């Protein structure tokens, strides 16, 4: 997918502003571009908020051991956040070309451990973007 000069400028700024850079730079750029093409800044903000919440729950879940009090609730909340993030991203897909749609389907909308890791990495980036907005 071709990115507009505006999206290129924003993604370069974001990548340079995050220590170590974005993990899913190209995918964040596509999400930005699709939100811009859809003229839906609020949807991008919803995706960013949900990604930040997903990253926070993931961080908490990693510190709690399986079987400890609250682990199951954290696991359930993590699954809910991941599904919400995917649902929000899916709202952008009508503006995507076929190649982008296929790629996002493989990377974010499947049901595998790899998809979950990709969503966690994307959530990391979205949380960093949310931090920059404060």
C-alpha atoms as a PDB file:
ATOM      1  CA  UNK A   1       0.000   0.000   0.000  1.00  0.00           C
ATOM      2  CA  UNK A   2       1.309   3.417  -0.915  1.00  0.00           C
ATOM      3  CA  UNK A   3       1.494   5.879   1.946  1.00  0.00           C
ATOM      4  CA  UNK A   4       0.785   9.568   1.655  1.00  0.00           C
ATOM      5  CA  UNK A   5       3.620  12.008   2.418  1.00  0.00           C
ATOM      6  CA  UNK A   6       1.684  13.036   5.536  1.00  0.00           C
ATOM      7  CA  UNK A   7       1.551   9.464   6.825  1.00  0.00           C
ATOM      8  CA  UNK A   8       5.249   8.996   6.030  1.00  0.00           C
ATOM      9  CA  UNK A   9       6.083  12.112   8.043  1.00  0.00           C
ATOM     10  CA  UNK A  10       3.957  11.026  11.012  1.00  0.00           C
ATOM     11  CA  UNK A  11       5.309   7.465  11.080  1.00  0.00           C
ATOM     12  CA  UNK A  12       8.891   8.722  10.850  1.00  0.00           C
ATOM     13  CA  UNK A  13       8.258  11.077  13.765  1.00  0.00           C
ATOM     14  CA  UNK A  14       6.652   8.313  15.825  1.00  0.00           C
ATOM     15  CA  UNK A  15       9.395   5.826  15.025  1.00  0.00           C
ATOM     16  CA  UNK A  16      12.079   8.354  15.992  1.00  0.00           C
ATOM     17  CA  UNK A  17      10.207   9.293  19.187  1.00  0.00           C
ATOM     18  CA  UNK A  18       9.947   5.750  20.542  1.00  0.00           C
ATOM     19  CA  UNK A  19      13.107   4.422  22.150  1.00  0.00           C
ATOM     20  CA  UNK A  20      14.314   1.562  19.979  1.00  0.00           C
ATOM     21  CA  UNK A  21      11.716   2.388  17.316  1.00  0.00           C
ATOM     22  CA  UNK A  22       8.349   0.841  16.635  1.00  0.00           C
ATOM     23  CA  UNK A  23       8.109  -2.947  16.471  1.00  0.00           C
ATOM     24  CA  UNK A  24       5.424  -2.910  13.766  1.00  0.00           C
ATOM     25  CA  UNK A  25       6.335   0.354  12.037  1.00  0.00           C
ATOM     26  CA  UNK A  26       4.904  -0.548   8.627  1.00  0.00           C
ATOM     27  CA  UNK A  27       1.647  -1.866  10.043  1.00  0.00           C
ATOM     28  CA  UNK A  28       1.155   1.209  12.229  1.00  0.00           C
ATOM     29  CA  UNK A  29       1.746   3.286   9.087  1.00  0.00           C
ATOM     30  CA  UNK A  30      -0.919   1.314   7.230  1.00  0.00           C
ATOM     31  CA  UNK A  31      -3.380   1.752  10.094  1.00  0.00           C
ATOM     32  CA  UNK A  32      -2.670   5.492  10.085  1.00  0.00           C
ATOM     33  CA  UNK A  33      -3.094   5.684   6.319  1.00  0.00           C
ATOM     34  CA  UNK A  34      -6.347   3.726   6.343  1.00  0.00           C
ATOM     35  CA  UNK A  35      -7.756   5.895   9.137  1.00  0.00           C
ATOM     36  CA  UNK A  36      -6.786   8.998   7.180  1.00  0.00           C
ATOM     37  CA  UNK A  37      -8.363   7.676   3.984  1.00  0.00           C
ATOM     38  CA  UNK A  38     -11.507   6.820   5.927  1.00  0.00           C
ATOM     39  CA  UNK A  39     -11.445  10.271   7.527  1.00  0.00           C
ATOM     40  CA  UNK A  40     -11.865   8.564  10.907  1.00  0.00           C
ATOM     41  CA  UNK A  41      -9.448   9.982  13.463  1.00  0.00           C
ATOM     42  CA  UNK A  42     -11.702   8.772  16.258  1.00  0.00           C
ATOM     43  CA  UNK A  43     -11.343   5.169  15.090  1.00  0.00           C
ATOM     44  CA  UNK A  44      -7.558   5.564  15.132  1.00  0.00           C
ATOM     45  CA  UNK A  45      -7.828   6.965  18.666  1.00  0.00           C
ATOM     46  CA  UNK A  46      -9.991   3.990  19.679  1.00  0.00           C
ATOM     47  CA  UNK A  47      -7.394   1.616  18.227  1.00  0.00           C
ATOM     48  CA  UNK A  48      -4.635   3.441  20.095  1.00  0.00           C
ATOM     49  CA  UNK A  49      -6.526   3.358  23.412  1.00  0.00           C
ATOM     50  CA  UNK A  50      -7.373  -0.312  23.005  1.00  0.00           C
ATOM     51  CA  UNK A  51      -3.796  -1.177  22.075  1.00  0.00           C
ATOM     52  CA  UNK A  52      -2.511   0.683  25.138  1.00  0.00           C
ATOM     53  CA  UNK A  53      -5.002  -1.164  27.370  1.00  0.00           C
ATOM     54  CA  UNK A  54      -4.019  -4.488  25.788  1.00  0.00           C
ATOM     55  CA  UNK A  55      -0.332  -3.769  26.418  1.00  0.00           C
ATOM     56  CA  UNK A  56      -1.041  -2.869  30.052  1.00  0.00           C
ATOM     57  CA  UNK A  57      -3.036  -6.055  30.687  1.00  0.00           C
ATOM     58  CA  UNK A  58      -0.340  -8.099  28.935  1.00  0.00           C
ATOM     59  CA  UNK A  59       2.342  -6.596  31.178  1.00  0.00           C
ATOM     60  CA  UNK A  60       0.329  -7.417  34.284  1.00  0.00           C
ATOM     61  CA  UNK A  61      -0.422 -10.921  33.034  1.00  0.00           C
ATOM     62  CA  UNK A  62       3.299 -11.591  32.531  1.00  0.00           C
ATOM     63  CA  UNK A  63       3.993 -10.748  36.188  1.00  0.00           C
ATOM     64  CA  UNK A  64       1.311 -13.081  37.551  1.00  0.00           C
ATOM     65  CA  UNK A  65       1.905 -16.803  37.566  1.00  0.00           C
ATOM     66  CA  UNK A  66      -0.659 -19.251  36.292  1.00  0.00           C
ATOM     67  CA  UNK A  67      -2.806 -20.440  39.178  1.00  0.00           C
ATOM     68  CA  UNK A  68      -2.359 -17.268  41.217  1.00  0.00           C
ATOM     69  CA  UNK A  69      -5.384 -15.285  42.288  1.00  0.00           C
ATOM     70  CA  UNK A  70      -6.691 -13.131  39.457  1.00  0.00           C
ATOM     71  CA  UNK A  71      -4.745 -14.912  36.721  1.00  0.00           C
ATOM     72  CA  UNK A  72      -7.840 -16.256  34.995  1.00  0.00           C
ATOM     73  CA  UNK A  73      -9.542 -12.849  35.064  1.00  0.00           C
ATOM     74  CA  UNK A  74      -6.445 -11.214  33.570  1.00  0.00           C
ATOM     75  CA  UNK A  75      -6.301 -13.885  30.895  1.00  0.00           C
ATOM     76  CA  UNK A  76      -9.967 -13.280  30.048  1.00  0.00           C
ATOM     77  CA  UNK A  77      -9.459  -9.510  29.953  1.00  0.00           C
ATOM     78  CA  UNK A  78      -6.425  -9.929  27.707  1.00  0.00           C
ATOM     79  CA  UNK A  79      -8.472 -12.035  25.279  1.00  0.00           C
ATOM     80  CA  UNK A  80     -11.265  -9.417  25.309  1.00  0.00           C
ATOM     81  CA  UNK A  81      -8.806  -6.609  24.606  1.00  0.00           C
ATOM     82  CA  UNK A  82      -7.208  -8.537  21.728  1.00  0.00           C
ATOM     83  CA  UNK A  83     -10.609  -9.207  20.181  1.00  0.00           C
ATOM     84  CA  UNK A  84     -11.653  -5.570  20.543  1.00  0.00           C
ATOM     85  CA  UNK A  85      -8.410  -4.446  18.904  1.00  0.00           C
ATOM     86  CA  UNK A  86      -8.996  -6.797  15.994  1.00  0.00           C
ATOM     87  CA  UNK A  87     -12.606  -5.656  15.616  1.00  0.00           C
ATOM     88  CA  UNK A  88     -11.530  -2.013  15.520  1.00  0.00           C
ATOM     89  CA  UNK A  89      -8.797  -2.741  12.977  1.00  0.00           C
ATOM     90  CA  UNK A  90     -11.305  -4.648  10.851  1.00  0.00           C
ATOM     91  CA  UNK A  91     -13.366  -1.463  10.542  1.00  0.00           C
ATOM     92  CA  UNK A  92     -10.487   0.056   8.556  1.00  0.00           C
ATOM     93  CA  UNK A  93     -10.192  -2.818   6.103  1.00  0.00           C
ATOM     94  CA  UNK A  94     -12.825  -1.645   3.587  1.00  0.00           C
ATOM     95  CA  UNK A  95     -10.359   1.129   2.643  1.00  0.00           C
ATOM     96  CA  UNK A  96      -7.496  -1.367   2.161  1.00  0.00           C
ATOM     97  CA  UNK A  97      -6.312  -2.832  -1.112  1.00  0.00           C
ATOM     98  CA  UNK A  98      -6.442  -6.609  -1.622  1.00  0.00           C
ATOM     99  CA  UNK A  99      -2.771  -7.175  -0.800  1.00  0.00           C
ATOM    100  CA  UNK A 100      -3.030  -5.257   2.481  1.00  0.00           C
ATOM    101  CA  UNK A 101      -6.235  -7.047   3.352  1.00  0.00           C
ATOM    102  CA  UNK A 102      -4.615 -10.461   2.789  1.00  0.00           C
ATOM    103  CA  UNK A 103      -1.556  -9.456   4.818  1.00  0.00           C
ATOM    104  CA  UNK A 104      -3.572  -8.176   7.779  1.00  0.00           C
ATOM    105  CA  UNK A 105      -5.755 -11.266   7.590  1.00  0.00           C
ATOM    106  CA  UNK A 106      -2.656 -13.473   7.922  1.00  0.00           C
ATOM    107  CA  UNK A 107      -0.835 -11.340  10.494  1.00  0.00           C
ATOM    108  CA  UNK A 108      -3.645 -10.074  12.771  1.00  0.00           C
ATOM    109  CA  UNK A 109      -6.946 -11.792  12.103  1.00  0.00           C
ATOM    110  CA  UNK A 110      -5.951 -15.470  12.287  1.00  0.00           C
ATOM    111  CA  UNK A 111      -6.038 -17.732  15.326  1.00  0.00           C
ATOM    112  CA  UNK A 112      -2.469 -18.746  16.116  1.00  0.00           C
ATOM    113  CA  UNK A 113       0.269 -18.011  18.628  1.00  0.00           C
ATOM    114  CA  UNK A 114       2.058 -15.987  15.951  1.00  0.00           C
ATOM    115  CA  UNK A 115      -1.003 -13.786  15.462  1.00  0.00           C
ATOM    116  CA  UNK A 116      -1.180 -13.198  19.207  1.00  0.00           C
ATOM    117  CA  UNK A 117       2.519 -12.204  19.291  1.00  0.00           C
ATOM    118  CA  UNK A 118       1.929  -9.821  16.380  1.00  0.00           C
ATOM    119  CA  UNK A 119      -1.000  -8.241  18.210  1.00  0.00           C
ATOM    120  CA  UNK A 120       1.115  -7.864  21.355  1.00  0.00           C
ATOM    121  CA  UNK A 121       3.883  -6.158  19.368  1.00  0.00           C
ATOM    122  CA  UNK A 122       1.345  -3.873  17.714  1.00  0.00           C
ATOM    123  CA  UNK A 123      -0.158  -3.127  21.134  1.00  0.00           C
ATOM    124  CA  UNK A 124       3.298  -2.141  22.364  1.00  0.00           C
ATOM    125  CA  UNK A 125       3.576   0.395  19.560  1.00  0.00           C
ATOM    126  CA  UNK A 126       0.072   1.716  20.134  1.00  0.00           C
ATOM    127  CA  UNK A 127       0.815   2.129  23.855  1.00  0.00           C
ATOM    128  CA  UNK A 128       3.951   4.114  23.002  1.00  0.00           C
ATOM    129  CA  UNK A 129       1.925   6.325  20.650  1.00  0.00           C
ATOM    130  CA  UNK A 130      -0.671   6.829  23.388  1.00  0.00           C
ATOM    131  CA  UNK A 131       2.124   7.863  25.763  1.00  0.00           C
ATOM    132  CA  UNK A 132       3.299  10.439  23.231  1.00  0.00           C
ATOM    133  CA  UNK A 133      -0.217  11.899  23.058  1.00  0.00           C
ATOM    134  CA  UNK A 134      -0.184  12.767  26.769  1.00  0.00           C
END
